[in-house]
């Protein structure tokens, strides 16, 4: 490596070094919350839920929207 690249990396590590423990802590907390959400989501789902809605629960189709004319791009 060139000495300039080594110097830039060294300066970056020194400047960001004080923030690394806080960053690692935040990543760990986010990972824990994510895993907790995954576990709770798996428990909350009913096992006998239908895969598709019945005809009584079907949502009516949305009517087509009128198309608007747009000026040609220049």
C-alpha atoms as a PDB file:
ATOM      1  CA  UNK A   1       0.000   0.000   0.000  1.00  0.00           C
ATOM      2  CA  UNK A   2       1.013   3.525  -0.470  1.00  0.00           C
ATOM      3  CA  UNK A   3       1.861   5.535   2.637  1.00  0.00           C
ATOM      4  CA  UNK A   4      -0.805   8.107   1.817  1.00  0.00           C
ATOM      5  CA  UNK A   5      -3.548   5.476   1.915  1.00  0.00           C
ATOM      6  CA  UNK A   6      -2.211   4.119   5.218  1.00  0.00           C
ATOM      7  CA  UNK A   7      -2.189   7.633   6.684  1.00  0.00           C
ATOM      8  CA  UNK A   8      -5.787   8.287   5.558  1.00  0.00           C
ATOM      9  CA  UNK A   9      -6.969   4.996   7.073  1.00  0.00           C
ATOM     10  CA  UNK A  10      -5.133   5.750  10.327  1.00  0.00           C
ATOM     11  CA  UNK A  11      -6.729   9.197  10.599  1.00  0.00           C
ATOM     12  CA  UNK A  12     -10.171   7.741   9.842  1.00  0.00           C
ATOM     13  CA  UNK A  13      -9.776   5.092  12.557  1.00  0.00           C
ATOM     14  CA  UNK A  14      -8.657   7.677  15.113  1.00  0.00           C
ATOM     15  CA  UNK A  15     -11.528  10.046  14.295  1.00  0.00           C
ATOM     16  CA  UNK A  16     -14.221   7.341  14.154  1.00  0.00           C
ATOM     17  CA  UNK A  17     -12.724   5.176  16.914  1.00  0.00           C
ATOM     18  CA  UNK A  18     -14.685   6.849  19.701  1.00  0.00           C
ATOM     19  CA  UNK A  19     -17.969   6.182  17.895  1.00  0.00           C
ATOM     20  CA  UNK A  20     -17.334   2.481  17.180  1.00  0.00           C
ATOM     21  CA  UNK A  21     -18.500   1.117  20.581  1.00  0.00           C
ATOM     22  CA  UNK A  22     -21.705   3.154  20.363  1.00  0.00           C
ATOM     23  CA  UNK A  23     -22.290   1.976  16.805  1.00  0.00           C
ATOM     24  CA  UNK A  24     -21.744  -1.667  17.785  1.00  0.00           C
ATOM     25  CA  UNK A  25     -24.140  -1.262  20.730  1.00  0.00           C
ATOM     26  CA  UNK A  26     -26.835   0.200  18.485  1.00  0.00           C
ATOM     27  CA  UNK A  27     -26.407  -2.577  15.931  1.00  0.00           C
ATOM     28  CA  UNK A  28     -26.752  -5.180  18.698  1.00  0.00           C
ATOM     29  CA  UNK A  29     -29.920  -3.554  20.026  1.00  0.00           C
ATOM     30  CA  UNK A  30     -31.442  -3.355  16.556  1.00  0.00           C
ATOM     31  CA  UNK A  31     -30.614  -6.992  15.924  1.00  0.00           C
ATOM     32  CA  UNK A  32     -32.229  -7.987  19.233  1.00  0.00           C
ATOM     33  CA  UNK A  33     -35.390  -6.009  18.436  1.00  0.00           C
ATOM     34  CA  UNK A  34     -35.544  -7.595  14.994  1.00  0.00           C
ATOM     35  CA  UNK A  35     -35.263 -11.124  16.417  1.00  0.00           C
ATOM     36  CA  UNK A  36     -37.860 -10.295  19.077  1.00  0.00           C
ATOM     37  CA  UNK A  37     -40.250  -9.067  16.385  1.00  0.00           C
ATOM     38  CA  UNK A  38     -39.698 -12.205  14.334  1.00  0.00           C
ATOM     39  CA  UNK A  39     -40.480 -14.404  17.350  1.00  0.00           C
ATOM     40  CA  UNK A  40     -43.597 -12.423  18.293  1.00  0.00           C
ATOM     41  CA  UNK A  41     -44.817 -12.358  14.684  1.00  0.00           C
ATOM     42  CA  UNK A  42     -44.584 -16.123  14.430  1.00  0.00           C
ATOM     43  CA  UNK A  43     -46.656 -16.544  17.616  1.00  0.00           C
ATOM     44  CA  UNK A  44     -49.356 -14.019  16.683  1.00  0.00           C
ATOM     45  CA  UNK A  45     -50.316 -15.646  13.371  1.00  0.00           C
ATOM     46  CA  UNK A  46     -53.410 -17.854  13.584  1.00  0.00           C
ATOM     47  CA  UNK A  47     -52.804 -21.356  12.255  1.00  0.00           C
ATOM     48  CA  UNK A  48     -56.255 -21.767  10.675  1.00  0.00           C
ATOM     49  CA  UNK A  49     -56.256 -18.531   8.669  1.00  0.00           C
ATOM     50  CA  UNK A  50     -57.552 -18.996   5.106  1.00  0.00           C
ATOM     51  CA  UNK A  51     -54.980 -18.604   2.365  1.00  0.00           C
ATOM     52  CA  UNK A  52     -57.372 -16.587   0.183  1.00  0.00           C
ATOM     53  CA  UNK A  53     -60.367 -14.461   1.177  1.00  0.00           C
ATOM     54  CA  UNK A  54     -63.812 -15.962   0.720  1.00  0.00           C
ATOM     55  CA  UNK A  55     -66.184 -14.538  -1.876  1.00  0.00           C
ATOM     56  CA  UNK A  56     -68.111 -12.695   0.876  1.00  0.00           C
ATOM     57  CA  UNK A  57     -64.932 -10.871   1.927  1.00  0.00           C
ATOM     58  CA  UNK A  58     -63.709 -10.102  -1.579  1.00  0.00           C
ATOM     59  CA  UNK A  59     -62.885  -6.488  -2.330  1.00  0.00           C
ATOM     60  CA  UNK A  60     -64.673  -5.039  -5.357  1.00  0.00           C
ATOM     61  CA  UNK A  61     -62.419  -3.989  -8.241  1.00  0.00           C
ATOM     62  CA  UNK A  62     -61.347  -0.369  -8.481  1.00  0.00           C
ATOM     63  CA  UNK A  63     -62.767   1.414 -11.549  1.00  0.00           C
ATOM     64  CA  UNK A  64     -60.293   2.582 -14.149  1.00  0.00           C
ATOM     65  CA  UNK A  65     -59.006   6.093 -13.630  1.00  0.00           C
ATOM     66  CA  UNK A  66     -59.457   8.554 -16.496  1.00  0.00           C
ATOM     67  CA  UNK A  67     -56.243   9.048 -18.404  1.00  0.00           C
ATOM     68  CA  UNK A  68     -54.895  12.555 -18.541  1.00  0.00           C
ATOM     69  CA  UNK A  69     -52.993  13.967 -21.460  1.00  0.00           C
ATOM     70  CA  UNK A  70     -49.463  15.081 -20.692  1.00  0.00           C
ATOM     71  CA  UNK A  71     -47.570  17.533 -22.870  1.00  0.00           C
ATOM     72  CA  UNK A  72     -44.680  16.030 -24.813  1.00  0.00           C
ATOM     73  CA  UNK A  73     -41.259  16.357 -23.189  1.00  0.00           C
ATOM     74  CA  UNK A  74     -38.870  18.736 -24.851  1.00  0.00           C
END
